[in-house]
Amino acid sequence: MNAAPTASAPPHVLRRLGPPLAALAAVAVPTGYLAVVDPNAPGHYPDCPFRAATGWWCPGCGGLRCVHALAHGDFTGALHDNAAAVLLFGVLGVLWLRWGWAALTGGPPPAVAVGGRRWALIALLVVVFTVARNSPVGAGLAPPLV
């Protein structure tokens, strides 16, 4: 007698947690490097080509210093270095937690849909942030000169 085919069991929890943990490691390794090698000390990292060409802070300027500050628990300093990066890291952290929870519980990974209107809004926010941090009114959004 042939046994009826059984539905395949879901992968083991460690197998499901592999991708979220690999992503965490891919972020933790460079973060650890940034925690040790201070971007505020000149000569460790290249200058921003956008800033060199235009004299303006780009949306990413101060991002390395922001990560360094966060790695040392300096949330205020991180916000001063690059507030947009802090917001982005928060969003990515929540998305990673949702992904990890889904992997842990065996649920489907969360879907993240970013349509055309959302991309346009994101682009607009990046432009506004860039202009604001380069204007006298938003000078507090610009990272400190090193």
C-alpha atoms as a PDB file:
ATOM      1  CA  MET A   1       0.000   0.000   0.000  1.00  0.00           C
ATOM      2  CA  ASN A   2       1.201   3.449  -0.870  1.00  0.00           C
ATOM      3  CA  ALA A   3       0.914   6.074   1.775  1.00  0.00           C
ATOM      4  CA  ALA A   4      -0.859   9.249   0.818  1.00  0.00           C
ATOM      5  CA  PRO A   5       1.573  12.065   0.071  1.00  0.00           C
ATOM      6  CA  THR A   6       1.967  14.387   3.013  1.00  0.00           C
ATOM      7  CA  ALA A   7       2.242  18.112   2.864  1.00  0.00           C
ATOM      8  CA  SER A   8       5.826  19.204   3.252  1.00  0.00           C
ATOM      9  CA  ALA A   9       6.634  20.479   6.703  1.00  0.00           C
ATOM     10  CA  PRO A  10       7.758  24.074   7.020  1.00  0.00           C
ATOM     11  CA  PRO A  11      11.516  24.541   7.251  1.00  0.00           C
ATOM     12  CA  HIS A  12      13.107  24.346  10.684  1.00  0.00           C
ATOM     13  CA  VAL A  13      13.201  27.624  12.618  1.00  0.00           C
ATOM     14  CA  LEU A  14      16.984  27.965  12.273  1.00  0.00           C
ATOM     15  CA  ARG A  15      16.703  27.572   8.512  1.00  0.00           C
ATOM     16  CA  ARG A  16      13.940  30.203   8.393  1.00  0.00           C
ATOM     17  CA  LEU A  17      16.007  32.592  10.521  1.00  0.00           C
ATOM     18  CA  GLY A  18      19.049  32.237   8.232  1.00  0.00           C
ATOM     19  CA  PRO A  19      18.276  35.082   5.818  1.00  0.00           C
ATOM     20  CA  PRO A  20      17.335  37.668   8.490  1.00  0.00           C
ATOM     21  CA  LEU A  21      20.399  36.745  10.542  1.00  0.00           C
ATOM     22  CA  ALA A  22      22.628  36.927   7.450  1.00  0.00           C
ATOM     23  CA  ALA A  23      21.255  40.405   6.725  1.00  0.00           C
ATOM     24  CA  LEU A  24      21.917  41.395  10.340  1.00  0.00           C
ATOM     25  CA  ALA A  25      25.511  40.167  10.056  1.00  0.00           C
ATOM     26  CA  ALA A  26      25.937  42.062   6.769  1.00  0.00           C
ATOM     27  CA  VAL A  27      24.974  45.243   8.616  1.00  0.00           C
ATOM     28  CA  ALA A  28      26.760  44.461  11.894  1.00  0.00           C
ATOM     29  CA  VAL A  29      30.212  43.935  10.374  1.00  0.00           C
ATOM     30  CA  PRO A  30      30.554  47.382   8.723  1.00  0.00           C
ATOM     31  CA  THR A  31      28.820  48.989  11.716  1.00  0.00           C
ATOM     32  CA  GLY A  32      31.409  47.397  13.981  1.00  0.00           C
ATOM     33  CA  TYR A  33      34.168  48.762  11.771  1.00  0.00           C
ATOM     34  CA  LEU A  34      32.623  52.237  11.906  1.00  0.00           C
ATOM     35  CA  ALA A  35      32.341  51.966  15.676  1.00  0.00           C
ATOM     36  CA  VAL A  36      36.095  51.385  15.903  1.00  0.00           C
ATOM     37  CA  VAL A  37      37.433  53.598  13.088  1.00  0.00           C
ATOM     38  CA  ASP A  38      36.141  57.099  13.818  1.00  0.00           C
ATOM     39  CA  PRO A  39      34.966  58.956  10.697  1.00  0.00           C
ATOM     40  CA  ASN A  40      35.430  62.225  12.593  1.00  0.00           C
ATOM     41  CA  ALA A  41      39.204  61.718  12.402  1.00  0.00           C
ATOM     42  CA  PRO A  42      40.448  62.925   9.024  1.00  0.00           C
ATOM     43  CA  GLY A  43      42.105  60.531   6.599  1.00  0.00           C
ATOM     44  CA  HIS A  44      40.128  57.353   7.257  1.00  0.00           C
ATOM     45  CA  TYR A  45      37.377  57.745   4.665  1.00  0.00           C
ATOM     46  CA  PRO A  46      37.190  59.503   1.283  1.00  0.00           C
ATOM     47  CA  ASP A  47      35.517  62.869   0.939  1.00  0.00           C
ATOM     48  CA  CYS A  48      32.036  63.101  -0.552  1.00  0.00           C
ATOM     49  CA  PRO A  49      32.349  63.734  -4.308  1.00  0.00           C
ATOM     50  CA  PHE A  50      29.038  65.656  -4.366  1.00  0.00           C
ATOM     51  CA  ARG A  51      30.290  67.994  -1.629  1.00  0.00           C
ATOM     52  CA  ALA A  52      33.653  68.375  -3.364  1.00  0.00           C
ATOM     53  CA  ALA A  53      31.958  69.266  -6.655  1.00  0.00           C
ATOM     54  CA  THR A  54      29.165  71.526  -5.365  1.00  0.00           C
ATOM     55  CA  GLY A  55      30.071  72.629  -1.856  1.00  0.00           C
ATOM     56  CA  TRP A  56      26.671  71.315  -0.683  1.00  0.00           C
ATOM     57  CA  TRP A  57      25.987  68.570   1.827  1.00  0.00           C
ATOM     58  CA  CYS A  58      24.435  65.635  -0.013  1.00  0.00           C
ATOM     59  CA  PRO A  59      21.641  63.611   1.644  1.00  0.00           C
ATOM     60  CA  GLY A  60      24.207  61.013   2.732  1.00  0.00           C
ATOM     61  CA  CYS A  61      26.832  63.411   4.107  1.00  0.00           C
ATOM     62  CA  GLY A  62      27.365  62.684   7.767  1.00  0.00           C
ATOM     63  CA  GLY A  63      25.974  59.172   7.404  1.00  0.00           C
ATOM     64  CA  LEU A  64      29.201  57.480   8.493  1.00  0.00           C
ATOM     65  CA  ARG A  65      29.480  59.823  11.472  1.00  0.00           C
ATOM     66  CA  CYS A  66      25.810  59.112  12.215  1.00  0.00           C
ATOM     67  CA  VAL A  67      26.448  55.358  12.338  1.00  0.00           C
ATOM     68  CA  HIS A  68      29.528  55.934  14.513  1.00  0.00           C
ATOM     69  CA  ALA A  69      27.484  58.050  16.933  1.00  0.00           C
ATOM     70  CA  LEU A  70      24.675  55.469  17.064  1.00  0.00           C
ATOM     71  CA  ALA A  71      27.194  52.693  17.688  1.00  0.00           C
ATOM     72  CA  HIS A  72      28.390  54.660  20.707  1.00  0.00           C
ATOM     73  CA  GLY A  73      24.859  55.411  21.950  1.00  0.00           C
ATOM     74  CA  ASP A  74      24.962  59.102  21.016  1.00  0.00           C
ATOM     75  CA  PHE A  75      21.477  59.528  19.560  1.00  0.00           C
ATOM     76  CA  THR A  76      21.603  63.346  19.657  1.00  0.00           C
ATOM     77  CA  GLY A  77      24.927  63.404  17.836  1.00  0.00           C
ATOM     78  CA  ALA A  78      23.583  60.949  15.259  1.00  0.00           C
ATOM     79  CA  LEU A  79      20.567  63.178  14.620  1.00  0.00           C
ATOM     80  CA  HIS A  80      22.870  66.165  14.163  1.00  0.00           C
ATOM     81  CA  ASP A  81      25.135  64.251  11.771  1.00  0.00           C
ATOM     82  CA  ASN A  82      22.302  63.008   9.528  1.00  0.00           C
ATOM     83  CA  ALA A  83      18.689  63.042  10.730  1.00  0.00           C
ATOM     84  CA  ALA A  84      17.447  61.410   7.523  1.00  0.00           C
ATOM     85  CA  ALA A  85      19.802  58.459   8.058  1.00  0.00           C
ATOM     86  CA  VAL A  86      18.512  57.999  11.621  1.00  0.00           C
ATOM     87  CA  LEU A  87      14.953  57.916  10.260  1.00  0.00           C
ATOM     88  CA  LEU A  88      15.974  55.441   7.541  1.00  0.00           C
ATOM     89  CA  PHE A  89      17.760  53.199  10.060  1.00  0.00           C
ATOM     90  CA  GLY A  90      14.643  53.216  12.236  1.00  0.00           C
ATOM     91  CA  VAL A  91      12.416  52.194   9.332  1.00  0.00           C
ATOM     92  CA  LEU A  92      14.857  49.484   8.260  1.00  0.00           C
ATOM     93  CA  GLY A  93      15.079  48.246  11.845  1.00  0.00           C
ATOM     94  CA  VAL A  94      11.294  47.893  12.090  1.00  0.00           C
ATOM     95  CA  LEU A  95      11.183  46.096   8.735  1.00  0.00           C
ATOM     96  CA  TRP A  96      13.961  43.736   9.882  1.00  0.00           C
ATOM     97  CA  LEU A  97      12.104  43.007  13.131  1.00  0.00           C
ATOM     98  CA  ARG A  98       8.939  42.174  11.167  1.00  0.00           C
ATOM     99  CA  TRP A  99      10.966  39.901   8.887  1.00  0.00           C
ATOM    100  CA  GLY A 100      12.660  38.197  11.831  1.00  0.00           C
ATOM    101  CA  TRP A 101       9.331  37.699  13.634  1.00  0.00           C
ATOM    102  CA  ALA A 102       7.774  36.190  10.520  1.00  0.00           C
ATOM    103  CA  ALA A 103      10.747  33.844  10.172  1.00  0.00           C
ATOM    104  CA  LEU A 104      10.581  32.898  13.841  1.00  0.00           C
ATOM    105  CA  THR A 105       6.858  32.180  13.808  1.00  0.00           C
ATOM    106  CA  GLY A 106       6.801  30.547  10.374  1.00  0.00           C
ATOM    107  CA  GLY A 107       4.621  33.226   8.835  1.00  0.00           C
ATOM    108  CA  PRO A 108       5.091  34.728   5.409  1.00  0.00           C
ATOM    109  CA  PRO A 109       7.720  37.456   5.149  1.00  0.00           C
ATOM    110  CA  PRO A 110       6.202  40.933   5.196  1.00  0.00           C
ATOM    111  CA  ALA A 111       5.625  42.450   1.797  1.00  0.00           C
ATOM    112  CA  VAL A 112       7.011  45.912   1.217  1.00  0.00           C
ATOM    113  CA  ALA A 113       5.414  47.610  -1.750  1.00  0.00           C
ATOM    114  CA  VAL A 114       6.759  50.971  -2.809  1.00  0.00           C
ATOM    115  CA  GLY A 115       4.792  52.213  -5.803  1.00  0.00           C
ATOM    116  CA  GLY A 116       5.447  55.160  -8.049  1.00  0.00           C
ATOM    117  CA  ARG A 117       3.743  57.717  -5.805  1.00  0.00           C
ATOM    118  CA  ARG A 118       5.740  56.603  -2.769  1.00  0.00           C
ATOM    119  CA  TRP A 119       8.993  56.766  -4.724  1.00  0.00           C
ATOM    120  CA  ALA A 120       8.052  60.289  -5.824  1.00  0.00           C
ATOM    121  CA  LEU A 121       7.337  61.253  -2.205  1.00  0.00           C
ATOM    122  CA  ILE A 122      10.641  59.746  -1.067  1.00  0.00           C
ATOM    123  CA  ALA A 123      12.508  61.637  -3.803  1.00  0.00           C
ATOM    124  CA  LEU A 124      10.747  64.873  -2.826  1.00  0.00           C
ATOM    125  CA  LEU A 125      11.659  64.362   0.837  1.00  0.00           C
ATOM    126  CA  VAL A 126      15.303  63.721  -0.083  1.00  0.00           C
ATOM    127  CA  VAL A 127      15.408  66.917  -2.161  1.00  0.00           C
ATOM    128  CA  VAL A 128      13.747  68.952   0.605  1.00  0.00           C
ATOM    129  CA  PHE A 129      16.166  67.522   3.190  1.00  0.00           C
ATOM    130  CA  THR A 130      19.146  68.317   0.947  1.00  0.00           C
ATOM    131  CA  VAL A 131      18.043  71.893   0.286  1.00  0.00           C
ATOM    132  CA  ALA A 132      17.090  72.471   3.928  1.00  0.00           C
ATOM    133  CA  ARG A 133      20.417  71.276   5.336  1.00  0.00           C
ATOM    134  CA  ASN A 134      22.251  73.566   2.911  1.00  0.00           C
ATOM    135  CA  SER A 135      20.207  76.674   3.747  1.00  0.00           C
ATOM    136  CA  PRO A 136      20.790  78.995   6.699  1.00  0.00           C
ATOM    137  CA  VAL A 137      17.437  77.975   8.217  1.00  0.00           C
ATOM    138  CA  GLY A 138      18.350  74.281   8.239  1.00  0.00           C
ATOM    139  CA  ALA A 139      22.002  74.654   9.164  1.00  0.00           C
ATOM    140  CA  GLY A 140      21.377  72.482  12.225  1.00  0.00           C
ATOM    141  CA  LEU A 141      20.699  69.571   9.864  1.00  0.00           C
ATOM    142  CA  ALA A 142      24.184  69.823   8.363  1.00  0.00           C
ATOM    143  CA  PRO A 143      26.905  67.665   9.914  1.00  0.00           C
ATOM    144  CA  PRO A 144      29.725  69.456  11.717  1.00  0.00           C
ATOM    145  CA  LEU A 145      32.817  70.215   9.678  1.00  0.00           C
ATOM    146  CA  VAL A 146      35.704  67.863  10.327  1.00  0.00           C
END
